[in-house]
Protein backbone atom coordinates (compact mmCIF):
# COMPACT_ATOMS: atom_id res chain seq x y z
CA MET A 1 186.21 131.38 136.19
CA ALA A 2 189.19 131.28 138.56
CA ARG A 3 192.30 129.33 137.65
CA SER A 4 194.94 127.95 139.97
CA PRO A 5 198.05 130.18 140.18
CA GLU A 6 200.19 127.85 138.09
CA HIS A 7 197.56 127.79 135.32
CA THR A 8 197.21 131.43 134.23
CA ALA A 9 197.28 131.10 130.42
CA GLY A 10 194.19 131.14 128.33
CA PRO A 11 191.34 130.83 127.95
CA ALA A 12 191.35 128.83 124.74
CA TYR A 13 189.64 130.91 122.07
CA ARG A 14 190.21 128.31 119.39
CA LEU A 15 190.43 124.54 119.67
CA GLU A 16 191.23 122.11 116.89
CA THR A 17 190.68 118.36 116.85
CA ALA A 18 191.08 115.93 113.97
CA ARG A 19 187.61 116.67 112.60
CA LEU A 20 186.33 119.73 114.47
CA ARG A 21 186.98 123.42 115.00
CA LEU A 22 185.72 125.06 118.21
CA ARG A 23 185.45 128.79 118.92
CA PRO A 24 183.29 131.11 121.05
CA TRP A 25 179.86 131.94 119.70
CA ALA A 26 179.42 135.22 117.80
CA PRO A 27 176.19 137.07 116.93
CA ARG A 28 176.79 136.33 113.25
CA ASP A 29 176.20 132.65 114.04
CA ALA A 30 172.52 133.32 114.78
CA PRO A 31 171.08 132.15 111.42
CA ARG A 32 172.99 128.88 111.50
CA LEU A 33 172.20 128.29 115.17
CA ARG A 34 168.54 129.07 114.55
CA ALA A 35 168.39 126.49 111.74
CA SER A 36 170.22 123.90 113.83
CA LEU A 37 167.99 124.28 116.89
CA ASP A 38 164.80 124.27 114.84
CA ARG A 39 165.92 121.11 113.06
CA SER A 40 166.94 119.38 116.30
CA ASP A 41 164.13 120.59 118.57
CA ALA A 42 162.38 117.26 119.07
CA ASP A 43 165.62 115.43 119.91
CA MET A 44 167.01 118.12 122.22
CA ARG A 45 163.92 119.26 124.10
CA PRO A 46 163.78 116.27 126.52
CA PHE A 47 167.38 116.76 127.69
CA ILE A 48 168.77 120.28 127.08
CA PRO A 49 167.79 122.87 129.73
CA PHE A 50 167.89 125.96 127.52
CA MET A 51 165.32 124.45 125.15
CA LYS A 52 162.62 125.73 127.52
CA HIS A 53 163.35 129.16 125.98
CA GLU A 54 163.00 127.91 122.41
CA PRO A 55 162.03 128.75 119.79
CA ARG A 56 163.55 132.24 119.91
CA SER A 57 163.30 134.77 117.10
CA LEU A 58 166.41 135.39 115.00
CA ALA A 59 166.92 138.75 116.76
CA ALA A 60 166.57 137.13 120.19
CA THR A 61 169.01 134.40 119.16
CA ALA A 62 171.59 137.01 118.11
CA GLN A 63 171.16 138.82 121.44
CA TRP A 64 171.57 135.54 123.32
CA LEU A 65 174.82 134.88 121.44
CA ARG A 66 176.05 138.35 122.39
CA GLU A 67 175.45 137.44 126.02
CA LEU A 68 177.23 134.10 125.66
CA ARG A 69 180.25 135.77 124.05
CA SER A 70 180.33 138.41 126.78
CA GLY A 71 180.30 135.70 129.43
CA PHE A 72 183.13 133.91 127.66
CA ASP A 73 185.28 137.05 127.50
CA ARG A 74 184.66 137.68 131.22
CA ASP A 75 185.68 134.09 132.10
CA GLU A 76 182.21 133.34 133.48
CA HIS A 77 181.60 130.30 131.30
CA TYR A 78 183.05 128.85 128.12
CA ARG A 79 180.50 127.90 125.48
CA TYR A 80 181.90 126.93 122.10
CA ALA A 81 180.29 126.62 118.71
CA VAL A 82 181.46 123.37 117.12
CA PHE A 83 182.10 123.28 113.37
CA GLY A 84 183.20 120.55 111.02
CA ALA A 85 186.82 121.03 109.94
CA ALA A 86 186.10 120.02 106.36
CA GLY A 87 182.93 121.83 105.29
CA GLY A 88 182.54 124.27 108.16
CA ASP A 89 179.03 123.07 109.02
CA LEU A 90 177.73 123.90 112.50
CA VAL A 91 177.50 120.52 114.19
CA GLY A 92 176.63 121.59 117.74
CA GLU A 93 177.89 123.16 120.94
CA VAL A 94 180.10 122.14 123.83
CA MET A 95 180.37 123.86 127.21
CA LEU A 96 182.81 124.13 130.10
CA LEU A 97 180.84 125.58 132.99
CA ASP A 98 181.99 126.98 136.33
CA ARG A 99 178.94 126.41 138.53
CA LEU A 100 180.31 123.75 140.85
CA GLY A 101 182.84 125.91 142.74
CA ASP A 102 186.62 126.31 142.59
CA GLY A 103 188.62 123.38 141.33
CA ARG A 104 185.65 121.83 139.52
CA ARG A 105 184.09 122.15 136.09
CA GLU A 106 180.99 120.77 134.42
CA ILE A 107 180.83 119.88 130.75
CA GLY A 108 177.75 119.87 128.56
CA TYR A 109 177.08 119.43 124.87
CA TRP A 110 174.49 119.01 122.16
CA ILE A 111 174.83 117.83 118.58
CA ASP A 112 172.68 118.86 115.63
CA SER A 113 170.35 116.01 114.68
CA ALA A 114 171.84 116.03 111.17
CA HIS A 115 175.31 115.23 112.57
CA THR A 116 174.68 112.64 115.30
CA ARG A 117 176.23 109.15 115.52
CA ARG A 118 179.58 110.30 114.14
CA GLY A 119 181.47 110.69 117.42
CA TYR A 120 181.45 114.49 117.33
CA GLY A 121 180.05 114.75 120.85
CA PHE A 122 182.89 112.63 122.20
CA GLU A 123 185.55 114.54 120.27
CA ALA A 124 184.29 117.97 121.35
CA SER A 125 183.73 116.89 124.96
CA ALA A 126 187.23 115.41 125.11
CA ALA A 127 188.54 118.84 124.13
CA MET A 128 186.71 120.33 127.13
CA VAL A 129 188.16 117.69 129.44
CA ARG A 130 191.67 118.48 128.21
CA VAL A 131 191.13 122.23 128.67
CA ALA A 132 189.81 121.69 132.19
CA PHE A 133 192.75 119.61 133.37
CA GLU A 134 195.64 120.89 131.27
CA LEU A 135 194.80 124.59 131.04
CA ASP A 136 192.57 125.34 134.03
CA GLY A 137 194.26 122.83 136.36
CA VAL A 138 191.04 121.65 138.01
CA ASP A 139 190.69 118.64 140.29
CA ARG A 140 187.34 117.36 139.03
CA VAL A 141 185.20 117.47 135.90
CA GLU A 142 181.55 116.50 136.10
CA LEU A 143 178.94 115.51 133.53
CA ASN A 144 175.25 115.26 134.39
CA CYS A 145 172.64 113.55 132.25
CA SER A 146 169.31 111.76 132.36
CA PRO A 147 169.45 107.95 132.66
CA ILE A 148 167.24 107.75 129.59
CA ASN A 149 169.70 109.81 127.53
CA ALA A 150 171.54 106.76 126.22
CA ALA A 151 173.91 108.77 124.00
CA SER A 152 175.18 110.86 126.93
CA VAL A 153 175.55 107.81 129.16
CA ARG A 154 177.70 106.15 126.49
CA LEU A 155 179.70 109.35 126.02
CA ALA A 156 180.47 109.65 129.74
CA GLN A 157 181.63 106.05 129.83
CA LYS A 158 183.75 106.47 126.70
CA LEU A 159 185.43 109.59 128.07
CA GLY A 160 186.48 107.63 131.15
CA PHE A 161 184.10 109.16 133.70
CA THR A 162 182.84 107.24 136.73
CA HIS A 163 179.16 107.07 137.66
CA GLU A 164 178.96 108.48 141.19
CA ALA A 165 175.23 108.63 141.85
CA THR A 166 171.76 108.90 140.38
CA LEU A 167 169.71 111.67 141.97
CA ALA A 168 165.96 111.07 141.93
CA ARG A 169 163.63 113.61 140.32
CA ARG A 170 166.17 116.45 140.13
CA PHE A 171 165.54 117.94 136.67
CA THR A 172 162.44 119.28 134.96
CA ASN A 173 162.97 119.31 131.21
CA ALA A 174 161.60 121.69 128.60
CA ASN A 175 158.51 119.52 128.22
CA GLY A 176 157.76 119.73 131.95
CA ASP A 177 158.75 116.12 132.62
CA ILE A 178 160.62 115.39 135.86
CA GLN A 179 163.71 113.23 135.38
CA ASP A 180 166.41 111.60 137.47
CA VAL A 181 169.97 112.89 137.01
CA MET A 182 173.07 110.72 136.72
CA VAL A 183 176.25 112.32 138.10
CA TRP A 184 179.45 111.30 136.33
CA SER A 185 182.91 112.52 137.36
CA LEU A 186 186.56 112.39 136.40
CA PHE A 187 189.30 113.40 138.86
CA ALA A 188 192.74 114.79 138.08
CA HIS A 189 194.54 111.72 139.42
CA ALA A 190 192.65 109.51 136.93
CA TYR A 191 192.92 111.90 133.99
CA PRO A 192 196.27 110.68 132.55
CA LEU A 193 194.81 107.22 131.89
CA CYS A 194 191.40 108.23 130.52
CA ALA A 195 190.37 108.07 126.87
CA ALA A 196 189.80 111.83 126.65
CA ARG A 197 193.51 112.46 127.31
CA ARG A 198 194.41 110.56 124.14
CA VAL A 199 192.26 112.68 121.82
CA PRO A 200 194.51 115.07 119.82
CA VAL A 201 193.56 118.67 120.63
CA THR A 202 195.41 121.93 119.99
CA GLY A 203 194.34 125.06 121.84
CA TYR A 204 195.07 128.72 121.04
CA ASP A 205 194.50 131.91 123.03
CA CYS A 206 192.93 135.17 121.85
CA LEU A 207 196.24 136.20 120.23
CA ASP A 208 196.38 132.88 118.37
CA THR A 209 199.30 131.73 120.52
CA ARG A 210 199.36 127.99 121.04
CA LEU A 211 198.44 127.03 124.60
CA PHE A 212 198.69 123.24 124.50
CA GLU A 213 198.56 120.24 122.20
């Protein structure tokens, strides 16, 4: 995941918000992830692409997490496990993906069904927006979602993203249903005034050195 020359620090191996702690996945997270995905299957399956591979065995889940961590360390993609700051419960995942080309990032997220409607998706996604603009120095961050995914539509609006387009019949979900895709974006020139910028986030590198706050 290339960074602009003036943004060479990072990546952020630990992120802290008021209520959440974010870090890269580790194989030891497999039992908790397995429980979370099994519990949330019905809610996630219509909208989350990787659910077409679920349910995995515990061993397959651990191997998948090894691959995600390897990709993180190689700067291919940043996928974070999201934990509650208080009790340490796994509440979901947030992603900063480099599949749109240089100078652009895509964010994604999911929240465990036991922890929805608490604003965790917004808080974790805001951390990704801040990393993208303040650490990676990108020009654009994108969020894609189905028009029928009301929670993600509200999240994009709350973050300060602009709805650019709705692409017809672009995504086949894990149930085999074909859905439209809404494209939401936030550009660097608009970032200072967006709601995500005002969310307190502290980021640390792999040596636990503070990168930004």
